[in-house]
C-alpha atoms as a PDB file:
ATOM      1  CA  MET A   1      16.324  14.249   1.072  1.00  0.00           C
ATOM      2  CA  SER A   2      14.584  14.566   4.438  1.00  0.00           C
ATOM      3  CA  LEU A   3      16.010  13.111   7.629  1.00  0.00           C
ATOM      4  CA  ILE A   4      13.445  10.320   7.801  1.00  0.00           C
ATOM      5  CA  PHE A   5      13.884   9.360   4.166  1.00  0.00           C
ATOM      6  CA  GLY A   6      17.669   9.409   4.636  1.00  0.00           C
ATOM      7  CA  ARG A   7      17.310   6.989   7.518  1.00  0.00           C
ATOM      8  CA  LEU A   8      15.008   4.813   5.450  1.00  0.00           C
ATOM      9  CA  HIS A   9      17.583   4.715   2.674  1.00  0.00           C
ATOM     10  CA  ALA A  10      20.233   3.557   5.113  1.00  0.00           C
ATOM     11  CA  LEU A  11      17.845   1.013   6.600  1.00  0.00           C
ATOM     12  CA  PHE A  12      17.066  -0.575   3.239  1.00  0.00           C
ATOM     13  CA  ILE A  13      20.754  -0.768   2.334  1.00  0.00           C
ATOM     14  CA  ALA A  14      21.501  -2.447   5.644  1.00  0.00           C
ATOM     15  CA  ILE A  15      18.783  -5.077   5.212  1.00  0.00           C
ATOM     16  CA  GLY A  16      18.778  -5.392   1.455  1.00  0.00           C
ATOM     17  CA  LEU A  17      20.090  -8.958   1.668  1.00  0.00           C
ATOM     18  CA  ALA A  18      17.308 -10.093   3.948  1.00  0.00           C
ATOM     19  CA  PHE A  19      15.632 -12.103   1.184  1.00  0.00           C
ATOM     20  CA  ALA A  20      18.735 -14.230   0.809  1.00  0.00           C
ATOM     21  CA  VAL A  21      19.327 -14.941   4.487  1.00  0.00           C
ATOM     22  CA  CYS A  22      15.940 -16.147   5.716  1.00  0.00           C
ATOM     23  CA  PRO A  23      16.554 -18.564   8.598  1.00  0.00           C
ATOM     24  CA  PRO A  24      15.677 -22.222   8.066  1.00  0.00           C
ATOM     25  CA  ALA A  25      12.173 -23.086   9.199  1.00  0.00           C
ATOM     26  CA  GLN A  26      10.219 -26.223   9.866  1.00  0.00           C
ATOM     27  CA  ALA A  27       8.196 -27.438   6.865  1.00  0.00           C
ATOM     28  CA  VAL A  28       4.527 -26.516   6.942  1.00  0.00           C
ATOM     29  CA  GLU A  29       2.194 -28.256   4.511  1.00  0.00           C
ATOM     30  CA  LEU A  30      -1.274 -27.007   3.621  1.00  0.00           C
ATOM     31  CA  GLN A  31      -3.595 -28.211   0.882  1.00  0.00           C
ATOM     32  CA  THR A  32      -5.102 -24.796   0.190  1.00  0.00           C
ATOM     33  CA  ILE A  33      -4.158 -21.237   1.058  1.00  0.00           C
ATOM     34  CA  THR A  34      -6.526 -18.298   0.667  1.00  0.00           C
ATOM     35  CA  ILE A  35      -5.246 -14.837  -0.137  1.00  0.00           C
ATOM     36  CA  LYS A  36      -7.897 -12.433   1.085  1.00  0.00           C
ATOM     37  CA  VAL A  37      -7.827  -9.045  -0.620  1.00  0.00           C
ATOM     38  CA  GLY A  38      -9.043  -5.948   1.197  1.00  0.00           C
ATOM     39  CA  TYR A  39     -10.395  -4.400  -2.001  1.00  0.00           C
ATOM     40  CA  GLY A  40     -12.875  -5.179  -4.758  1.00  0.00           C
ATOM     41  CA  ALA A  41     -12.135  -7.109  -7.933  1.00  0.00           C
ATOM     42  CA  GLY A  42     -10.233  -5.564 -10.805  1.00  0.00           C
ATOM     43  CA  GLY A  43      -8.020  -3.086  -8.952  1.00  0.00           C
ATOM     44  CA  GLY A  44      -4.295  -3.143  -8.367  1.00  0.00           C
ATOM     45  CA  PHE A  45      -4.352  -5.139  -5.119  1.00  0.00           C
ATOM     46  CA  ASP A  46      -6.670  -7.707  -6.681  1.00  0.00           C
ATOM     47  CA  GLN A  47      -4.459  -8.092  -9.746  1.00  0.00           C
ATOM     48  CA  THR A  48      -1.213  -8.495  -7.822  1.00  0.00           C
ATOM     49  CA  SER A  49      -2.860 -10.962  -5.429  1.00  0.00           C
ATOM     50  CA  ARG A  50      -3.993 -13.113  -8.354  1.00  0.00           C
ATOM     51  CA  LEU A  51      -0.481 -12.890  -9.789  1.00  0.00           C
ATOM     52  CA  ILE A  52       0.941 -14.165  -6.498  1.00  0.00           C
ATOM     53  CA  ALA A  53      -1.733 -16.873  -6.282  1.00  0.00           C
ATOM     54  CA  ARG A  54      -0.561 -18.297  -9.611  1.00  0.00           C
ATOM     55  CA  HIS A  55       2.998 -18.779  -8.361  1.00  0.00           C
ATOM     56  CA  LEU A  56       3.448 -18.848  -4.577  1.00  0.00           C
ATOM     57  CA  GLY A  57       2.323 -22.463  -4.164  1.00  0.00           C
ATOM     58  CA  ARG A  58       5.300 -23.694  -6.198  1.00  0.00           C
ATOM     59  CA  PHE A  59       7.615 -22.527  -3.427  1.00  0.00           C
ATOM     60  CA  LEU A  60       5.712 -23.947  -0.468  1.00  0.00           C
ATOM     61  CA  PRO A  61       5.892 -27.469   0.977  1.00  0.00           C
ATOM     62  CA  GLY A  62       3.288 -29.689  -0.653  1.00  0.00           C
ATOM     63  CA  ASN A  63       2.649 -27.150  -3.443  1.00  0.00           C
ATOM     64  CA  PRO A  64      -0.757 -26.059  -2.095  1.00  0.00           C
ATOM     65  CA  SER A  65      -3.371 -24.531  -4.358  1.00  0.00           C
ATOM     66  CA  ILE A  66      -3.966 -20.841  -3.710  1.00  0.00           C
ATOM     67  CA  VAL A  67      -7.293 -19.073  -4.136  1.00  0.00           C
ATOM     68  CA  VAL A  68      -8.177 -15.380  -3.955  1.00  0.00           C
ATOM     69  CA  GLN A  69     -11.153 -13.960  -2.067  1.00  0.00           C
ATOM     70  CA  ASN A  70     -12.132 -10.292  -2.119  1.00  0.00           C
ATOM     71  CA  VAL A  71     -13.155  -8.734   1.204  1.00  0.00           C
ATOM     72  CA  PRO A  72     -13.545  -5.017   0.430  1.00  0.00           C
ATOM     73  CA  GLY A  73     -14.275  -2.447   3.088  1.00  0.00           C
ATOM     74  CA  GLY A  74     -12.704   0.634   4.616  1.00  0.00           C
ATOM     75  CA  GLY A  75      -9.638   0.652   2.406  1.00  0.00           C
ATOM     76  CA  SER A  76      -8.773  -2.849   3.723  1.00  0.00           C
ATOM     77  CA  LEU A  77      -9.441  -1.931   7.370  1.00  0.00           C
ATOM     78  CA  LYS A  78     -12.300  -4.453   7.473  1.00  0.00           C
ATOM     79  CA  LEU A  79      -9.979  -7.273   6.401  1.00  0.00           C
ATOM     80  CA  THR A  80      -7.177  -6.128   8.701  1.00  0.00           C
ATOM     81  CA  LYS A  81      -9.511  -6.321  11.690  1.00  0.00           C
ATOM     82  CA  MET A  82     -10.613  -9.798  10.592  1.00  0.00           C
ATOM     83  CA  LEU A  83      -6.989 -10.843  10.279  1.00  0.00           C
ATOM     84  CA  MET A  84      -6.235  -9.609  13.778  1.00  0.00           C
ATOM     85  CA  GLY A  85      -9.162 -11.470  15.302  1.00  0.00           C
ATOM     86  CA  SER A  86     -11.106 -14.221  13.569  1.00  0.00           C
ATOM     87  CA  GLU A  87      -8.870 -15.640  10.830  1.00  0.00           C
ATOM     88  CA  PRO A  88      -7.101 -19.003  11.356  1.00  0.00           C
ATOM     89  CA  ALA A  89      -3.478 -18.693  12.442  1.00  0.00           C
ATOM     90  CA  ASP A  90      -2.155 -21.826  10.743  1.00  0.00           C
ATOM     91  CA  GLY A  91      -0.942 -20.184   7.529  1.00  0.00           C
ATOM     92  CA  SER A  92      -4.036 -21.130   5.555  1.00  0.00           C
ATOM     93  CA  VAL A  93      -5.137 -17.471   5.297  1.00  0.00           C
ATOM     94  CA  ILE A  94      -2.912 -14.570   4.337  1.00  0.00           C
ATOM     95  CA  ALA A  95      -3.995 -11.099   3.313  1.00  0.00           C
ATOM     96  CA  SER A  96      -3.327  -8.344   0.810  1.00  0.00           C
ATOM     97  CA  ILE A  97      -3.965  -5.090   2.668  1.00  0.00           C
ATOM     98  CA  SER A  98      -3.061  -1.452   2.303  1.00  0.00           C
ATOM     99  CA  GLU A  99       0.447  -0.572   3.352  1.00  0.00           C
ATOM    100  CA  ALA A 100      -1.185   2.295   5.268  1.00  0.00           C
ATOM    101  CA  MET A 101      -2.560  -0.200   7.794  1.00  0.00           C
ATOM    102  CA  PHE A 102       0.657  -0.019   9.774  1.00  0.00           C
ATOM    103  CA  TYR A 103      -0.126   3.535  10.868  1.00  0.00           C
ATOM    104  CA  ALA A 104      -3.934   3.319  10.745  1.00  0.00           C
ATOM    105  CA  PRO A 105      -4.166   3.061  14.575  1.00  0.00           C
ATOM    106  CA  ILE A 106      -2.126   6.271  14.808  1.00  0.00           C
ATOM    107  CA  LEU A 107      -4.181   8.218  12.268  1.00  0.00           C
ATOM    108  CA  ASP A 108      -7.616   6.816  13.171  1.00  0.00           C
ATOM    109  CA  PRO A 109      -7.410   5.323  16.687  1.00  0.00           C
ATOM    110  CA  GLU A 110     -11.193   5.162  17.142  1.00  0.00           C
ATOM    111  CA  ASN A 111     -11.707   2.802  14.186  1.00  0.00           C
ATOM    112  CA  ALA A 112      -8.347   1.055  13.776  1.00  0.00           C
ATOM    113  CA  THR A 113      -8.286  -0.585  17.190  1.00  0.00           C
ATOM    114  CA  PHE A 114      -5.428  -3.030  16.754  1.00  0.00           C
ATOM    115  CA  ASP A 115      -1.708  -3.255  17.463  1.00  0.00           C
ATOM    116  CA  PRO A 116       0.132  -2.567  14.180  1.00  0.00           C
ATOM    117  CA  LEU A 117       3.264  -4.243  15.538  1.00  0.00           C
ATOM    118  CA  ALA A 118       1.331  -7.534  15.680  1.00  0.00           C
ATOM    119  CA  LEU A 119       0.977  -7.704  11.879  1.00  0.00           C
ATOM    120  CA  GLN A 120       3.282 -10.366  10.435  1.00  0.00           C
ATOM    121  CA  TRP A 121       4.604  -9.124   7.109  1.00  0.00           C
ATOM    122  CA  LEU A 122       5.552 -11.634   4.404  1.00  0.00           C
ATOM    123  CA  GLY A 123       6.891  -9.132   1.885  1.00  0.00           C
ATOM    124  CA  SER A 124       5.824  -6.454  -0.562  1.00  0.00           C
ATOM    125  CA  LEU A 125       6.132  -6.114  -4.317  1.00  0.00           C
ATOM    126  CA  VAL A 126       6.582  -2.414  -4.979  1.00  0.00           C
ATOM    127  CA  ASN A 127       8.736   0.432  -3.650  1.00  0.00           C
ATOM    128  CA  ASP A 128       7.338   3.230  -5.729  1.00  0.00           C
ATOM    129  CA  PRO A 129       6.050   6.798  -5.567  1.00  0.00           C
ATOM    130  CA  ALA A 130       2.324   7.512  -5.613  1.00  0.00           C
ATOM    131  CA  TYR A 131       0.473  10.055  -7.732  1.00  0.00           C
ATOM    132  CA  CYS A 132      -2.571  12.278  -7.894  1.00  0.00           C
ATOM    133  CA  LEU A 133      -4.294  12.211 -11.265  1.00  0.00           C
ATOM    134  CA  THR A 134      -7.394  13.648 -12.882  1.00  0.00           C
ATOM    135  CA  SER A 135      -9.400  12.806 -15.961  1.00  0.00           C
ATOM    136  CA  LYS A 136      -8.871  14.874 -19.105  1.00  0.00           C
ATOM    137  CA  GLN A 137     -12.585  15.620 -19.252  1.00  0.00           C
ATOM    138  CA  SER A 138     -12.429  17.257 -15.828  1.00  0.00           C
ATOM    139  CA  GLY A 139     -10.350  20.146 -17.129  1.00  0.00           C
ATOM    140  CA  ILE A 140      -8.189  19.951 -13.970  1.00  0.00           C
ATOM    141  CA  ASP A 141      -4.851  19.698 -15.764  1.00  0.00           C
ATOM    142  CA  THR A 142      -2.413  21.848 -13.766  1.00  0.00           C
ATOM    143  CA  MET A 143      -1.254  22.022 -10.156  1.00  0.00           C
ATOM    144  CA  GLU A 144      -2.813  25.470  -9.825  1.00  0.00           C
ATOM    145  CA  LYS A 145      -6.219  24.206 -10.928  1.00  0.00           C
ATOM    146  CA  PHE A 146      -5.851  21.114  -8.742  1.00  0.00           C
ATOM    147  CA  LEU A 147      -5.281  23.221  -5.632  1.00  0.00           C
ATOM    148  CA  GLN A 148      -7.705  26.060  -6.350  1.00  0.00           C
ATOM    149  CA  SER A 149     -10.710  24.403  -8.040  1.00  0.00           C
ATOM    150  CA  ASP A 150     -13.825  22.884  -6.488  1.00  0.00           C
ATOM    151  CA  PHE A 151     -14.202  19.255  -7.592  1.00  0.00           C
ATOM    152  CA  LEU A 152     -14.477  15.692  -6.246  1.00  0.00           C
ATOM    153  CA  ILE A 153     -11.691  13.179  -5.570  1.00  0.00           C
ATOM    154  CA  GLY A 154     -12.666   9.497  -5.174  1.00  0.00           C
ATOM    155  CA  ALA A 155     -11.375   7.191  -2.414  1.00  0.00           C
ATOM    156  CA  THR A 156     -12.202   3.858  -0.820  1.00  0.00           C
ATOM    157  CA  GLY A 157     -12.146   4.084   2.997  1.00  0.00           C
ATOM    158  CA  LYS A 158     -10.646   6.761   5.233  1.00  0.00           C
ATOM    159  CA  ASN A 159      -7.783   4.422   6.134  1.00  0.00           C
ATOM    160  CA  SER A 160      -6.864   3.690   2.513  1.00  0.00           C
ATOM    161  CA  THR A 161      -4.000   5.211   0.574  1.00  0.00           C
ATOM    162  CA  THR A 162      -6.534   6.698  -1.841  1.00  0.00           C
ATOM    163  CA  TYR A 163      -7.984   8.763   1.003  1.00  0.00           C
ATOM    164  CA  ILE A 164      -4.821   9.364   3.044  1.00  0.00           C
ATOM    165  CA  PHE A 165      -2.825  10.824   0.158  1.00  0.00           C
ATOM    166  CA  ALA A 166      -5.765  12.855  -1.129  1.00  0.00           C
ATOM    167  CA  ALA A 167      -6.172  14.298   2.381  1.00  0.00           C
ATOM    168  CA  LEU A 168      -2.428  14.840   2.740  1.00  0.00           C
ATOM    169  CA  ALA A 169      -2.364  16.969  -0.417  1.00  0.00           C
ATOM    170  CA  LYS A 170      -5.611  18.748   0.472  1.00  0.00           C
ATOM    171  CA  ASN A 171      -4.601  19.696   4.010  1.00  0.00           C
ATOM    172  CA  GLY A 172      -0.889  20.107   3.442  1.00  0.00           C
ATOM    173  CA  MET A 173      -1.332  22.294   0.359  1.00  0.00           C
ATOM    174  CA  LYS A 174      -4.661  23.933   1.370  1.00  0.00           C
ATOM    175  CA  ALA A 175      -6.539  22.556  -1.656  1.00  0.00           C
ATOM    176  CA  ARG A 176     -10.280  23.104  -2.102  1.00  0.00           C
ATOM    177  CA  TYR A 177     -11.474  19.768  -3.511  1.00  0.00           C
ATOM    178  CA  LYS A 178     -13.704  17.362  -1.592  1.00  0.00           C
ATOM    179  CA  ILE A 179     -12.964  13.665  -1.021  1.00  0.00           C
ATOM    180  CA  VAL A 180     -15.752  11.142  -1.643  1.00  0.00           C
ATOM    181  CA  THR A 181     -15.360   7.718  -0.005  1.00  0.00           C
ATOM    182  CA  GLY A 182     -17.215   4.413  -0.385  1.00  0.00           C
ATOM    183  CA  PHE A 183     -15.647   2.942  -3.515  1.00  0.00           C
ATOM    184  CA  GLU A 184     -14.622  -0.736  -3.315  1.00  0.00           C
ATOM    185  CA  GLY A 185     -11.313  -0.244  -5.098  1.00  0.00           C
ATOM    186  CA  THR A 186      -9.398   1.750  -7.678  1.00  0.00           C
ATOM    187  CA  ALA A 187     -11.249   0.054 -10.533  1.00  0.00           C
ATOM    188  CA  ASP A 188     -14.521   1.545  -9.250  1.00  0.00           C
ATOM    189  CA  ILE A 189     -12.892   4.947  -8.849  1.00  0.00           C
ATOM    190  CA  GLU A 190     -11.613   4.805 -12.425  1.00  0.00           C
ATOM    191  CA  LEU A 191     -15.112   4.008 -13.693  1.00  0.00           C
ATOM    192  CA  ALA A 192     -16.538   6.958 -11.790  1.00  0.00           C
ATOM    193  CA  MET A 193     -13.894   9.175 -13.370  1.00  0.00           C
ATOM    194  CA  GLN A 194     -14.837   7.902 -16.820  1.00  0.00           C
ATOM    195  CA  ARG A 195     -18.507   8.623 -16.121  1.00  0.00           C
ATOM    196  CA  GLY A 196     -17.644  12.143 -15.015  1.00  0.00           C
ATOM    197  CA  GLU A 197     -18.960  11.611 -11.480  1.00  0.00           C
ATOM    198  CA  ILE A 198     -15.614  12.570  -9.944  1.00  0.00           C
ATOM    199  CA  ALA A 199     -12.553  14.330 -11.311  1.00  0.00           C
ATOM    200  CA  GLY A 200      -9.680  12.178 -10.043  1.00  0.00           C
ATOM    201  CA  MET A 201      -7.940  10.180  -7.337  1.00  0.00           C
ATOM    202  CA  CYS A 202      -4.719  10.163  -5.313  1.00  0.00           C
ATOM    203  CA  GLY A 203      -2.395   7.529  -3.870  1.00  0.00           C
ATOM    204  CA  VAL A 204      -2.137   5.878  -7.282  1.00  0.00           C
ATOM    205  CA  SER A 205       0.912   3.712  -8.013  1.00  0.00           C
ATOM    206  CA  SER A 206       2.667   3.676 -11.370  1.00  0.00           C
ATOM    207  CA  ALA A 207       0.982   0.338 -12.108  1.00  0.00           C
ATOM    208  CA  LEU A 208      -2.360   2.112 -12.476  1.00  0.00           C
ATOM    209  CA  LEU A 209      -0.868   4.693 -14.808  1.00  0.00           C
ATOM    210  CA  ARG A 210      -0.836   2.025 -17.503  1.00  0.00           C
ATOM    211  CA  ALA A 211      -4.404   3.094 -18.297  1.00  0.00           C
ATOM    212  CA  ASP A 212      -4.980   5.216 -21.363  1.00  0.00           C
ATOM    213  CA  ARG A 213      -2.485   8.032 -20.774  1.00  0.00           C
ATOM    214  CA  ALA A 214      -4.429  10.201 -23.205  1.00  0.00           C
ATOM    215  CA  ALA A 215      -7.383  10.136 -20.800  1.00  0.00           C
ATOM    216  CA  ILE A 216      -5.597  11.307 -17.610  1.00  0.00           C
ATOM    217  CA  ASN A 217      -3.572  14.190 -16.239  1.00  0.00           C
ATOM    218  CA  ILE A 218      -0.766  13.346 -13.801  1.00  0.00           C
ATOM    219  CA  ILE A 219      -0.821  16.267 -11.368  1.00  0.00           C
ATOM    220  CA  GLY A 220       1.848  15.446  -8.798  1.00  0.00           C
ATOM    221  CA  MET A 221       3.566  12.734  -6.807  1.00  0.00           C
ATOM    222  CA  PHE A 222       4.370  11.617  -3.261  1.00  0.00           C
ATOM    223  CA  GLY A 223       7.430   9.968  -1.762  1.00  0.00           C
ATOM    224  CA  GLN A 224      10.029  10.913  -4.324  1.00  0.00           C
ATOM    225  CA  ARG A 225      10.927  13.762  -6.614  1.00  0.00           C
ATOM    226  CA  GLY A 226      10.639  13.163 -10.326  1.00  0.00           C
ATOM    227  CA  SER A 227       9.316  14.615 -13.541  1.00  0.00           C
ATOM    228  CA  VAL A 228       6.175  15.989 -11.862  1.00  0.00           C
ATOM    229  CA  PRO A 229       5.915  18.153  -8.715  1.00  0.00           C
ATOM    230  CA  ARG A 230       6.084  16.552  -5.288  1.00  0.00           C
ATOM    231  CA  LEU A 231       2.787  17.332  -3.596  1.00  0.00           C
ATOM    232  CA  THR A 232       4.188  17.751  -0.092  1.00  0.00           C
ATOM    233  CA  ASP A 233       7.094  20.078  -0.875  1.00  0.00           C
ATOM    234  CA  GLY A 234       4.982  23.016   0.239  1.00  0.00           C
ATOM    235  CA  ILE A 235       4.827  21.715   3.833  1.00  0.00           C
ATOM    236  CA  VAL A 236       7.470  23.720   5.697  1.00  0.00           C
ATOM    237  CA  ASP A 237       6.635  23.347   9.400  1.00  0.00           C
ATOM    238  CA  PRO A 238       9.283  20.905  10.785  1.00  0.00           C
ATOM    239  CA  THR A 239       6.827  18.732  12.745  1.00  0.00           C
ATOM    240  CA  ALA A 240       4.325  18.609   9.888  1.00  0.00           C
ATOM    241  CA  ARG A 241       7.200  17.811   7.542  1.00  0.00           C
ATOM    242  CA  GLN A 242       8.167  14.804   9.700  1.00  0.00           C
ATOM    243  CA  ALA A 243       4.505  13.762   9.781  1.00  0.00           C
ATOM    244  CA  ALA A 244       4.285  13.896   5.991  1.00  0.00           C
ATOM    245  CA  ASP A 245       7.459  11.813   5.732  1.00  0.00           C
ATOM    246  CA  LEU A 246       5.935   9.245   8.109  1.00  0.00           C
ATOM    247  CA  ILE A 247       2.854   8.979   5.914  1.00  0.00           C
ATOM    248  CA  GLU A 248       4.886   8.756   2.711  1.00  0.00           C
ATOM    249  CA  SER A 249       7.151   6.041   4.178  1.00  0.00           C
ATOM    250  CA  ALA A 250       4.406   3.479   3.483  1.00  0.00           C
ATOM    251  CA  LEU A 251       5.186   3.827  -0.225  1.00  0.00           C
ATOM    252  CA  HIS A 252       8.289   1.717   0.346  1.00  0.00           C
ATOM    253  CA  ILE A 253       6.061  -1.317   1.002  1.00  0.00           C
ATOM    254  CA  HIS A 254       3.273  -1.111  -1.579  1.00  0.00           C
ATOM    255  CA  HIS A 255       1.188  -4.264  -2.236  1.00  0.00           C
ATOM    256  CA  PRO A 256       2.222  -6.127   0.926  1.00  0.00           C
ATOM    257  CA  LEU A 257       1.113  -9.550   2.109  1.00  0.00           C
ATOM    258  CA  VAL A 258       0.571 -10.229   5.805  1.00  0.00           C
ATOM    259  CA  ALA A 259      -0.244 -13.193   8.013  1.00  0.00           C
ATOM    260  CA  PRO A 260      -2.356 -13.215  11.204  1.00  0.00           C
ATOM    261  CA  PRO A 261      -0.595 -12.457  14.506  1.00  0.00           C
ATOM    262  CA  GLY A 262      -0.932 -16.011  15.817  1.00  0.00           C
ATOM    263  CA  VAL A 263       0.960 -17.702  12.955  1.00  0.00           C
ATOM    264  CA  SER A 264       3.923 -19.558  14.406  1.00  0.00           C
ATOM    265  CA  LYS A 265       7.498 -18.457  13.868  1.00  0.00           C
ATOM    266  CA  GLU A 266       8.148 -21.623  11.853  1.00  0.00           C
ATOM    267  CA  THR A 267       5.161 -21.115   9.558  1.00  0.00           C
ATOM    268  CA  LEU A 268       6.003 -17.427   9.133  1.00  0.00           C
ATOM    269  CA  GLY A 269       9.536 -18.387   8.134  1.00  0.00           C
ATOM    270  CA  VAL A 270       8.251 -20.820   5.505  1.00  0.00           C
ATOM    271  CA  LEU A 271       5.867 -18.235   4.044  1.00  0.00           C
ATOM    272  CA  ARG A 272       8.527 -15.525   3.963  1.00  0.00           C
ATOM    273  CA  LYS A 273      11.051 -17.843   2.324  1.00  0.00           C
ATOM    274  CA  ALA A 274       8.506 -18.859  -0.325  1.00  0.00           C
ATOM    275  CA  TYR A 275       7.695 -15.211  -1.020  1.00  0.00           C
ATOM    276  CA  SER A 276      11.352 -14.253  -1.361  1.00  0.00           C
ATOM    277  CA  ASP A 277      12.009 -17.171  -3.719  1.00  0.00           C
ATOM    278  CA  MET A 278       8.931 -16.344  -5.782  1.00  0.00           C
ATOM    279  CA  VAL A 279       9.784 -12.688  -6.457  1.00  0.00           C
ATOM    280  CA  VAL A 280      13.070 -13.599  -8.174  1.00  0.00           C
ATOM    281  CA  ASP A 281      11.666 -16.559 -10.130  1.00  0.00           C
ATOM    282  CA  PRO A 282      11.846 -16.088 -13.940  1.00  0.00           C
ATOM    283  CA  ASP A 283       8.324 -17.426 -14.557  1.00  0.00           C
ATOM    284  CA  PHE A 284       6.892 -15.108 -11.927  1.00  0.00           C
ATOM    285  CA  LEU A 285       8.754 -12.125 -13.384  1.00  0.00           C
ATOM    286  CA  THR A 286       7.523 -12.956 -16.890  1.00  0.00           C
ATOM    287  CA  ASP A 287       3.942 -13.131 -15.639  1.00  0.00           C
ATOM    288  CA  ALA A 288       4.345  -9.904 -13.652  1.00  0.00           C
ATOM    289  CA  ALA A 289       5.527  -8.114 -16.786  1.00  0.00           C
ATOM    290  CA  LYS A 290       2.052  -8.647 -18.240  1.00  0.00           C
ATOM    291  CA  LEU A 291       0.662  -6.192 -15.679  1.00  0.00           C
ATOM    292  CA  GLY A 292       1.939  -3.274 -17.725  1.00  0.00           C
ATOM    293  CA  ASP A 293       3.808  -0.577 -15.852  1.00  0.00           C
ATOM    294  CA  LEU A 294       4.108  -2.499 -12.590  1.00  0.00           C
ATOM    295  CA  THR A 295       7.741  -2.109 -11.559  1.00  0.00           C
ATOM    296  CA  LEU A 296       8.750  -4.779  -9.065  1.00  0.00           C
ATOM    297  CA  ASN A 297      11.071  -3.690  -6.277  1.00  0.00           C
ATOM    298  CA  PRO A 298      10.382  -6.242  -3.543  1.00  0.00           C
ATOM    299  CA  THR A 299      10.946  -5.754   0.170  1.00  0.00           C
ATOM    300  CA  SER A 300      11.287  -8.682   2.558  1.00  0.00           C
ATOM    301  CA  GLY A 301       8.966  -9.277   5.467  1.00  0.00           C
ATOM    302  CA  GLU A 302      11.868  -8.795   7.866  1.00  0.00           C
ATOM    303  CA  ALA A 303      12.689  -5.417   6.327  1.00  0.00           C
ATOM    304  CA  ILE A 304       9.062  -4.307   6.509  1.00  0.00           C
ATOM    305  CA  SER A 305       8.869  -5.244  10.189  1.00  0.00           C
ATOM    306  CA  GLN A 306      11.956  -3.135  10.897  1.00  0.00           C
ATOM    307  CA  LEU A 307      10.590  -0.200   8.903  1.00  0.00           C
ATOM    308  CA  VAL A 308       7.256  -0.311  10.736  1.00  0.00           C
ATOM    309  CA  ALA A 309       8.908  -0.528  14.152  1.00  0.00           C
ATOM    310  CA  GLN A 310      11.158   2.421  13.292  1.00  0.00           C
ATOM    311  CA  GLN A 311       8.344   4.641  12.015  1.00  0.00           C
ATOM    312  CA  LEU A 312       6.163   3.940  15.053  1.00  0.00           C
ATOM    313  CA  LYS A 313       8.879   5.401  17.300  1.00  0.00           C
ATOM    314  CA  ALA A 314       7.950   8.917  16.151  1.00  0.00           C
ATOM    315  CA  THR A 315       6.995  11.438  18.840  1.00  0.00           C
ATOM    316  CA  PRO A 316       3.398  12.086  19.925  1.00  0.00           C
ATOM    317  CA  ALA A 317       3.685  15.553  18.345  1.00  0.00           C
ATOM    318  CA  VAL A 318       4.479  13.987  14.962  1.00  0.00           C
ATOM    319  CA  PHE A 319       1.566  11.560  15.315  1.00  0.00           C
ATOM    320  CA  ALA A 320      -0.757  14.441  16.163  1.00  0.00           C
ATOM    321  CA  ALA A 321       0.460  16.400  13.134  1.00  0.00           C
ATOM    322  CA  ALA A 322      -0.081  13.353  10.933  1.00  0.00           C
ATOM    323  CA  ARG A 323      -3.688  13.075  12.147  1.00  0.00           C
ATOM    324  CA  GLU A 324      -4.249  16.712  11.242  1.00  0.00           C
ATOM    325  CA  LEU A 325      -2.823  16.197   7.759  1.00  0.00           C
ATOM    326  CA  VAL A 326      -5.164  13.327   6.909  1.00  0.00           C
ATOM    327  CA  LYS A 327      -8.360  14.362   8.705  1.00  0.00           C
END
């Protein structure tokens, strides 16, 4: 286990009870809350947001109705910028964005022009590795072929996990494939794979592996070691290794919800408490089980904030190496 991942393990043990010790907060009542999703309809973020929308209101004062609105663009960068600027800060709008947004200003400072420490995290659903996969029809079915063949990998925006992890494997392992961006979400990428327009995608959580297993090849994984090769094990330079660990740390907080920076401490406390109550609720868990292979391993908003602050203390050399790995 790397140094950074060892520290992360200790961090999550130390704050593992954060869900149970949320401080009391003043009641905030809203008639309607909108969950804006930074991806198109049908993908993993859309599905988990609609799952949350069916249940979160039961744990909020006044039991508000919750609606979902898709705002795709740039791997959720478009929505993140909206959240940081134009969205109301009264708790009526929250957002489902890529976990990679916390280091987007480090990896792409020209486009991600916001302070990642200003994001107010409510919680995340999944602490899970990510995968690179290809379609069976592509013929790319081994690590050797994946690294040495010329083919296309699909991604949403350059700040999305689908791009970042594809680039991390490509640059870290000197692969030859090309990355094609512009898809609205993983559902669109899957369709392009089925049509034979592209060969595969990366940054895929286990929830998306519930698709027809006979139609895909699982090439490798990020973040943990398991039954398939870890795609960054070939990175040996110490600084690049730390940079890869920084990038992979986002996998601890997959499918997060965030609130705008201006939301008051009291409102943030109410939203976080509702989220933490929801993720252990039997009805919510029963509904979540219908999403196939989605394995819930929630992280509290407080824990995410501490993780983000810790990771953003990395040295400029590590940040520079991370930019090289995902360019």
